[in-house]
Amino acid sequence: MTETTSTGALTRFRLLAVLCGVNLLLLVFGYMPAKYIFDALEDNGWIIFIPIAHGYLYIVYILTVLQIGVQKRMKFLTIIALIAAGTLPVASFIAERRITKKYGPAR
């Protein structure tokens, strides 16, 4: 693998980790209370985009984790932990920082 391919995958991972993290926070603290506590989906049908967007972003996040895991020859448990980080609020932000620090370009 070339350095450019590896850097592109790392940049894509960083972007998707942040997007999935923000979207998951919106899902957990915005959509879920609106749906189950306030029963506000009838009046605000537009918020249905939050779980749909999270579903699509999470699939691309998983594929990116697999790509960067293979390129960087990560351990299997590290890859599984990175995939699980996309399901826990705030965990994707922590995972993004650690992976960037460990595998990012030297400055």
C-alpha atoms as a PDB file:
ATOM      1  CA  MET A   1       0.000   0.000   0.000  1.00  0.00           C
ATOM      2  CA  THR A   2       1.175   3.443  -0.728  1.00  0.00           C
ATOM      3  CA  GLU A   3       1.360   6.178   1.866  1.00  0.00           C
ATOM      4  CA  THR A   4      -1.322   8.163   0.006  1.00  0.00           C
ATOM      5  CA  THR A   5      -3.803   5.277   0.174  1.00  0.00           C
ATOM      6  CA  SER A   6      -3.108   4.799   3.849  1.00  0.00           C
ATOM      7  CA  THR A   7      -3.455   8.520   4.582  1.00  0.00           C
ATOM      8  CA  GLY A   8      -6.721   8.647   2.621  1.00  0.00           C
ATOM      9  CA  ALA A   9      -8.148   5.759   4.617  1.00  0.00           C
ATOM     10  CA  LEU A  10      -7.076   7.394   7.882  1.00  0.00           C
ATOM     11  CA  THR A  11      -8.660  10.700   6.855  1.00  0.00           C
ATOM     12  CA  ARG A  12     -11.874   8.897   5.880  1.00  0.00           C
ATOM     13  CA  PHE A  13     -11.835   7.050   9.215  1.00  0.00           C
ATOM     14  CA  ARG A  14     -11.410  10.315  11.126  1.00  0.00           C
ATOM     15  CA  LEU A  15     -14.265  11.960   9.231  1.00  0.00           C
ATOM     16  CA  LEU A  16     -16.623   9.018   9.634  1.00  0.00           C
ATOM     17  CA  ALA A  17     -15.786   8.561  13.322  1.00  0.00           C
ATOM     18  CA  VAL A  18     -16.751  12.178  14.000  1.00  0.00           C
ATOM     19  CA  LEU A  19     -19.861  12.030  11.796  1.00  0.00           C
ATOM     20  CA  CYS A  20     -21.029   8.756  13.364  1.00  0.00           C
ATOM     21  CA  GLY A  21     -20.347  10.115  16.844  1.00  0.00           C
ATOM     22  CA  VAL A  22     -22.315  13.310  16.275  1.00  0.00           C
ATOM     23  CA  ASN A  23     -25.125  11.426  14.565  1.00  0.00           C
ATOM     24  CA  LEU A  24     -25.278   8.870  17.388  1.00  0.00           C
ATOM     25  CA  LEU A  25     -25.500  11.669  19.948  1.00  0.00           C
ATOM     26  CA  LEU A  26     -28.357  13.191  17.934  1.00  0.00           C
ATOM     27  CA  LEU A  27     -30.015   9.779  17.798  1.00  0.00           C
ATOM     28  CA  VAL A  28     -29.713   9.030  21.512  1.00  0.00           C
ATOM     29  CA  PHE A  29     -30.355  12.495  22.936  1.00  0.00           C
ATOM     30  CA  GLY A  30     -32.594  13.967  20.232  1.00  0.00           C
ATOM     31  CA  TYR A  31     -34.534  11.398  18.241  1.00  0.00           C
ATOM     32  CA  MET A  32     -35.147   8.793  20.947  1.00  0.00           C
ATOM     33  CA  PRO A  33     -36.539  11.248  23.537  1.00  0.00           C
ATOM     34  CA  ALA A  34     -38.629  12.939  20.828  1.00  0.00           C
ATOM     35  CA  LYS A  35     -40.074   9.593  19.790  1.00  0.00           C
ATOM     36  CA  TYR A  36     -40.555   7.811  23.115  1.00  0.00           C
ATOM     37  CA  ILE A  37     -40.918  10.562  25.719  1.00  0.00           C
ATOM     38  CA  PHE A  38     -42.555  13.442  23.859  1.00  0.00           C
ATOM     39  CA  ASP A  39     -44.255  11.442  21.078  1.00  0.00           C
ATOM     40  CA  ALA A  40     -43.290  14.223  18.691  1.00  0.00           C
ATOM     41  CA  LEU A  41     -42.807  12.284  15.457  1.00  0.00           C
ATOM     42  CA  GLU A  42     -46.271  13.036  14.101  1.00  0.00           C
ATOM     43  CA  ASP A  43     -45.657  16.784  14.234  1.00  0.00           C
ATOM     44  CA  ASN A  44     -41.988  16.653  13.257  1.00  0.00           C
ATOM     45  CA  GLY A  45     -41.672  13.956  10.638  1.00  0.00           C
ATOM     46  CA  TRP A  46     -38.432  15.448   9.358  1.00  0.00           C
ATOM     47  CA  ILE A  47     -36.415  14.007  12.273  1.00  0.00           C
ATOM     48  CA  ILE A  48     -36.753  10.520  10.803  1.00  0.00           C
ATOM     49  CA  PHE A  49     -33.581  11.348   8.818  1.00  0.00           C
ATOM     50  CA  ILE A  50     -31.471  10.898  12.002  1.00  0.00           C
ATOM     51  CA  PRO A  51     -31.723   7.083  12.340  1.00  0.00           C
ATOM     52  CA  ILE A  52     -31.609   6.612   8.569  1.00  0.00           C
ATOM     53  CA  ALA A  53     -28.455   8.716   8.255  1.00  0.00           C
ATOM     54  CA  HIS A  54     -26.875   6.916  11.197  1.00  0.00           C
ATOM     55  CA  GLY A  55     -27.564   3.542   9.579  1.00  0.00           C
ATOM     56  CA  TYR A  56     -25.882   4.495   6.328  1.00  0.00           C
ATOM     57  CA  LEU A  57     -22.972   6.273   8.007  1.00  0.00           C
ATOM     58  CA  TYR A  58     -22.366   3.340  10.346  1.00  0.00           C
ATOM     59  CA  ILE A  59     -22.146   0.890   7.440  1.00  0.00           C
ATOM     60  CA  VAL A  60     -19.534   3.075   5.716  1.00  0.00           C
ATOM     61  CA  TYR A  61     -17.751   3.476   9.092  1.00  0.00           C
ATOM     62  CA  ILE A  62     -17.518  -0.318   9.454  1.00  0.00           C
ATOM     63  CA  LEU A  63     -16.104  -0.700   5.945  1.00  0.00           C
ATOM     64  CA  THR A  64     -13.571   2.038   6.629  1.00  0.00           C
ATOM     65  CA  VAL A  65     -12.530   0.404   9.911  1.00  0.00           C
ATOM     66  CA  LEU A  66     -12.015  -2.877   8.068  1.00  0.00           C
ATOM     67  CA  GLN A  67      -9.960  -1.132   5.393  1.00  0.00           C
ATOM     68  CA  ILE A  68      -7.717   0.710   7.832  1.00  0.00           C
ATOM     69  CA  GLY A  69      -7.451  -2.403  10.013  1.00  0.00           C
ATOM     70  CA  VAL A  70      -6.136  -4.465   7.113  1.00  0.00           C
ATOM     71  CA  GLN A  71      -3.824  -1.692   5.873  1.00  0.00           C
ATOM     72  CA  LYS A  72      -2.307  -1.094   9.303  1.00  0.00           C
ATOM     73  CA  ARG A  73      -2.315  -4.815  10.212  1.00  0.00           C
ATOM     74  CA  MET A  74      -4.292  -4.233  13.403  1.00  0.00           C
ATOM     75  CA  LYS A  75      -5.191  -7.031  15.771  1.00  0.00           C
ATOM     76  CA  PHE A  76      -8.630  -8.569  15.319  1.00  0.00           C
ATOM     77  CA  LEU A  77      -9.792  -7.381  18.751  1.00  0.00           C
ATOM     78  CA  THR A  78      -8.732  -3.825  17.925  1.00  0.00           C
ATOM     79  CA  ILE A  79     -10.867  -3.904  14.786  1.00  0.00           C
ATOM     80  CA  ILE A  80     -13.833  -5.275  16.748  1.00  0.00           C
ATOM     81  CA  ALA A  81     -13.350  -2.567  19.396  1.00  0.00           C
ATOM     82  CA  LEU A  82     -13.304   0.131  16.705  1.00  0.00           C
ATOM     83  CA  ILE A  83     -16.508  -1.243  15.197  1.00  0.00           C
ATOM     84  CA  ALA A  84     -18.136  -1.301  18.640  1.00  0.00           C
ATOM     85  CA  ALA A  85     -17.001   2.291  19.238  1.00  0.00           C
ATOM     86  CA  GLY A  86     -19.503   3.358  16.579  1.00  0.00           C
ATOM     87  CA  THR A  87     -22.347   2.059  18.736  1.00  0.00           C
ATOM     88  CA  LEU A  88     -21.470   3.830  21.993  1.00  0.00           C
ATOM     89  CA  PRO A  89     -21.997   7.562  22.410  1.00  0.00           C
ATOM     90  CA  VAL A  90     -18.669   9.439  22.624  1.00  0.00           C
ATOM     91  CA  ALA A  91     -16.598   6.243  22.102  1.00  0.00           C
ATOM     92  CA  SER A  92     -15.999   6.988  18.417  1.00  0.00           C
ATOM     93  CA  PHE A  93     -14.406  10.324  19.363  1.00  0.00           C
ATOM     94  CA  ILE A  94     -12.016   8.550  21.755  1.00  0.00           C
ATOM     95  CA  ALA A  95     -11.231   5.830  19.194  1.00  0.00           C
ATOM     96  CA  GLU A  96     -10.560   8.450  16.515  1.00  0.00           C
ATOM     97  CA  ARG A  97      -8.054  10.278  18.719  1.00  0.00           C
ATOM     98  CA  ARG A  98      -6.223   7.087  19.706  1.00  0.00           C
ATOM     99  CA  ILE A  99      -5.985   5.711  16.173  1.00  0.00           C
ATOM    100  CA  THR A 100      -4.860   9.068  14.793  1.00  0.00           C
ATOM    101  CA  LYS A 101      -2.215   9.361  17.472  1.00  0.00           C
ATOM    102  CA  LYS A 102      -0.971   5.824  16.875  1.00  0.00           C
ATOM    103  CA  TYR A 103      -1.147   5.562  13.077  1.00  0.00           C
ATOM    104  CA  GLY A 104      -1.254   9.180  11.920  1.00  0.00           C
ATOM    105  CA  PRO A 105       1.545  10.795   9.951  1.00  0.00           C
ATOM    106  CA  ALA A 106       4.521  11.943  11.993  1.00  0.00           C
ATOM    107  CA  ARG A 107       4.580  15.698  12.402  1.00  0.00           C
END
